[in-house]
Amino acid sequence: MRFRNFHAGCCGYVPTRSDGSEWSHVLTLRDGSSVYADTAEEVLEEVIEGWVEMPEDARHEALVAHASQAALEAQQQRIDAAVAAGTIDRADPDDRGLVEILEADKRASLLLELPDAPGEQAEWLAPVELVLLTSSYAPHGEHPPIGGRVCWLDPLDPVAYLRSLRAAGLYDYWALADATV
């Protein structure tokens, strides 16, 4: 069961079930409303239309597609913040190369090599955090995961995905410690 609250969230009102117990999952949406649900699946229904009725293989593709768009959005937020802070300048040729990597397709598996260690994944040490998908890297993708300043979105599991959206700063999401998928 899920409940969507369109008001009073900012006033400290937290709805409970009819028996007085807390909801297991809470997600604050971009319109300011909050979704209270028993399962992560019910929360995802608010984010990915038709989620609950999708066959399993379609769910995986829907999560990866949503994560790809979410990663681009999170990456753009980081780029915009870096430009506003003067950390990068889009007109600077050196920074354009950095922005090109930051804006790369998030479904692609990048290999960051250093000249003295060809074929080995290097750490991401740039001043702007890189946003990537776990599904694009080993064991699911071609290259090993990139270390360093990386924010990972994890579309391989519904709860992990919702938590990674929170970690990326895209949504506010909470789940009770014993919450179910």
Protein backbone atom coordinates (compact mmCIF):
# COMPACT_ATOMS: atom_id res chain seq x y z
CA MET A 1 0.00 0.00 0.00
CA ARG A 2 1.21 3.52 -0.69
CA PHE A 3 0.05 7.02 0.16
CA ARG A 4 0.99 10.29 -1.52
CA ASN A 5 0.94 13.41 0.63
CA PHE A 6 0.63 16.67 -1.30
CA HIS A 7 0.75 18.97 1.70
CA ALA A 8 1.95 19.54 5.23
CA GLY A 9 5.27 17.73 4.73
CA CYS A 10 7.17 20.90 5.55
CA CYS A 11 5.17 21.32 8.78
CA GLY A 12 6.42 18.14 10.41
CA TYR A 13 3.31 16.09 9.62
CA VAL A 14 4.26 12.47 8.99
CA PRO A 15 1.28 10.29 8.12
CA THR A 16 0.98 6.82 9.61
CA ARG A 17 -0.94 3.74 8.57
CA SER A 18 -4.43 3.20 9.98
CA ASP A 19 -2.92 1.01 12.73
CA GLY A 20 -0.57 3.85 13.77
CA SER A 21 2.60 2.21 12.47
CA GLU A 22 5.16 4.02 10.31
CA TRP A 23 5.55 3.55 6.59
CA SER A 24 8.66 1.57 5.61
CA HIS A 25 9.68 3.84 2.71
CA VAL A 26 9.41 7.61 2.17
CA LEU A 27 10.42 9.46 -1.00
CA THR A 28 10.11 13.22 -1.48
CA LEU A 29 9.31 14.05 -5.10
CA ARG A 30 10.35 17.11 -7.08
CA ASP A 31 6.91 18.71 -6.74
CA GLY A 32 7.39 18.72 -2.96
CA SER A 33 4.96 15.89 -2.31
CA SER A 34 6.04 12.78 -0.45
CA VAL A 35 5.31 9.13 -1.16
CA TYR A 36 4.86 6.85 1.84
CA ALA A 37 4.92 3.15 0.97
CA ASP A 38 5.30 -0.35 2.34
CA THR A 39 7.80 -1.40 -0.35
CA ALA A 40 10.47 0.10 -2.57
CA GLU A 41 8.50 -1.26 -5.54
CA GLU A 42 5.57 1.00 -4.61
CA VAL A 43 7.90 4.00 -4.32
CA LEU A 44 9.37 3.27 -7.76
CA GLU A 45 5.85 3.26 -9.21
CA GLU A 46 5.78 7.01 -8.47
CA VAL A 47 9.09 7.55 -10.27
CA ILE A 48 8.79 5.08 -13.17
CA GLU A 49 5.28 4.90 -14.59
CA GLY A 50 3.93 1.36 -14.88
CA TRP A 51 6.71 -0.09 -12.71
CA VAL A 52 4.54 -2.46 -10.70
CA GLU A 53 3.02 -4.15 -13.79
CA MET A 54 6.30 -4.47 -15.75
CA PRO A 55 7.81 -7.92 -16.38
CA GLU A 56 11.16 -8.46 -14.64
CA ASP A 57 13.34 -7.92 -17.76
CA ALA A 58 11.50 -4.68 -18.57
CA ARG A 59 12.02 -3.51 -14.99
CA HIS A 60 15.77 -3.90 -15.33
CA GLU A 61 15.79 -1.88 -18.55
CA ALA A 62 13.49 0.76 -17.04
CA LEU A 63 15.78 1.16 -14.01
CA VAL A 64 18.88 1.48 -16.19
CA ALA A 65 17.14 3.99 -18.49
CA HIS A 66 15.92 6.04 -15.51
CA ALA A 67 19.36 5.85 -13.89
CA SER A 68 21.03 7.01 -17.10
CA GLN A 69 18.83 10.13 -17.19
CA ALA A 70 19.22 10.69 -13.45
CA ALA A 71 23.01 10.41 -13.76
CA LEU A 72 23.05 13.03 -16.51
CA GLU A 73 20.96 15.33 -14.33
CA ALA A 74 23.16 14.80 -11.27
CA GLN A 75 26.26 15.32 -13.39
CA GLN A 76 24.88 18.57 -14.81
CA GLN A 77 24.19 19.82 -11.27
CA ARG A 78 27.84 19.20 -10.41
CA ILE A 79 29.09 20.87 -13.59
CA ASP A 80 26.86 23.91 -13.00
CA ALA A 81 28.08 24.19 -9.39
CA ALA A 82 31.72 23.97 -10.54
CA VAL A 83 31.16 26.65 -13.19
CA ALA A 84 29.41 28.91 -10.65
CA ALA A 85 32.28 28.41 -8.18
CA GLY A 86 34.88 29.17 -10.87
CA THR A 87 36.35 25.67 -10.60
CA ILE A 88 35.90 25.06 -14.32
CA ASP A 89 35.48 27.39 -17.29
CA ARG A 90 33.69 26.02 -20.33
CA ALA A 91 35.67 28.41 -22.55
CA ASP A 92 39.00 26.99 -21.37
CA PRO A 93 40.22 24.26 -23.78
CA ASP A 94 41.56 22.14 -20.90
CA ASP A 95 38.25 22.33 -19.05
CA ARG A 96 36.30 21.48 -22.21
CA GLY A 97 38.03 18.09 -22.25
CA LEU A 98 37.02 17.55 -18.63
CA VAL A 99 33.41 18.55 -19.34
CA GLU A 100 33.35 16.19 -22.33
CA ILE A 101 34.22 13.27 -20.05
CA LEU A 102 31.71 14.42 -17.42
CA GLU A 103 28.95 14.61 -20.04
CA ALA A 104 29.75 11.22 -21.62
CA ASP A 105 26.96 8.65 -22.02
CA LYS A 106 26.42 7.16 -18.58
CA ARG A 107 25.65 3.74 -20.06
CA ALA A 108 29.19 3.62 -21.51
CA SER A 109 31.98 1.91 -19.59
CA LEU A 110 34.94 4.30 -19.40
CA LEU A 111 38.56 3.24 -19.07
CA LEU A 112 40.68 6.01 -17.56
CA GLU A 113 44.27 5.06 -18.31
CA LEU A 114 47.48 6.73 -17.22
CA PRO A 115 50.47 6.66 -19.59
CA ASP A 116 52.56 4.66 -17.10
CA ALA A 117 49.78 2.07 -16.51
CA PRO A 118 48.06 1.30 -19.82
CA GLY A 119 45.01 -0.92 -19.59
CA GLU A 120 44.56 -0.27 -15.86
CA GLN A 121 41.66 1.76 -14.49
CA ALA A 122 42.92 5.02 -12.96
CA GLU A 123 41.31 6.96 -10.12
CA TRP A 124 39.08 9.94 -10.97
CA LEU A 125 40.84 12.89 -9.31
CA ALA A 126 39.30 15.83 -11.17
CA PRO A 127 37.78 18.69 -9.15
CA VAL A 128 34.25 17.73 -10.26
CA GLU A 129 32.72 14.48 -9.03
CA LEU A 130 31.95 11.98 -11.80
CA VAL A 131 28.47 10.38 -11.78
CA LEU A 132 28.34 6.81 -13.14
CA LEU A 133 26.13 3.71 -13.21
CA THR A 134 27.21 0.52 -11.44
CA SER A 135 25.56 -1.44 -14.26
CA SER A 136 28.12 -0.10 -16.75
CA TYR A 137 31.15 -1.52 -14.92
CA ALA A 138 32.48 -4.94 -13.92
CA PRO A 139 31.10 -7.43 -13.32
CA HIS A 140 28.28 -6.14 -15.57
CA GLY A 141 30.27 -3.96 -17.96
CA GLU A 142 33.49 -4.02 -19.92
CA HIS A 143 35.83 -2.19 -17.51
CA PRO A 144 36.49 -2.29 -13.76
CA PRO A 145 34.85 0.41 -11.62
CA ILE A 146 36.55 3.78 -11.45
CA GLY A 147 37.81 4.82 -8.02
CA GLY A 148 38.24 8.28 -6.60
CA ARG A 149 35.68 11.10 -6.74
CA VAL A 150 32.79 9.09 -8.16
CA CYS A 151 29.09 9.09 -7.27
CA TRP A 152 27.55 5.73 -8.21
CA LEU A 153 23.90 5.23 -9.14
CA ASP A 154 22.96 1.57 -8.67
CA PRO A 155 20.09 0.49 -10.94
CA LEU A 156 20.65 -3.20 -10.20
CA ASP A 157 18.40 -3.32 -7.12
CA PRO A 158 15.34 -1.14 -6.30
CA VAL A 159 16.36 -0.25 -2.72
CA ALA A 160 20.00 0.31 -3.69
CA TYR A 161 18.83 2.52 -6.56
CA LEU A 162 16.63 4.67 -4.32
CA ARG A 163 19.49 5.01 -1.82
CA SER A 164 21.89 5.98 -4.58
CA LEU A 165 19.44 8.64 -5.84
CA ARG A 166 19.50 10.08 -2.32
CA ALA A 167 23.32 9.93 -2.19
CA ALA A 168 23.47 11.76 -5.53
CA GLY A 169 21.27 14.53 -4.15
CA LEU A 170 18.41 13.93 -6.57
CA TYR A 171 15.69 12.80 -4.14
CA ASP A 172 15.18 12.56 -0.41
CA TYR A 173 14.58 8.90 0.45
CA TRP A 174 14.34 7.10 3.76
CA ALA A 175 13.70 3.46 4.58
CA LEU A 176 13.35 1.69 7.90
CA ALA A 177 16.28 -0.61 8.67
CA ASP A 178 14.12 -3.71 8.23
CA ALA A 179 12.29 -2.41 5.13
CA THR A 180 11.46 -4.86 2.35
CA VAL A 181 11.82 -4.46 -1.37
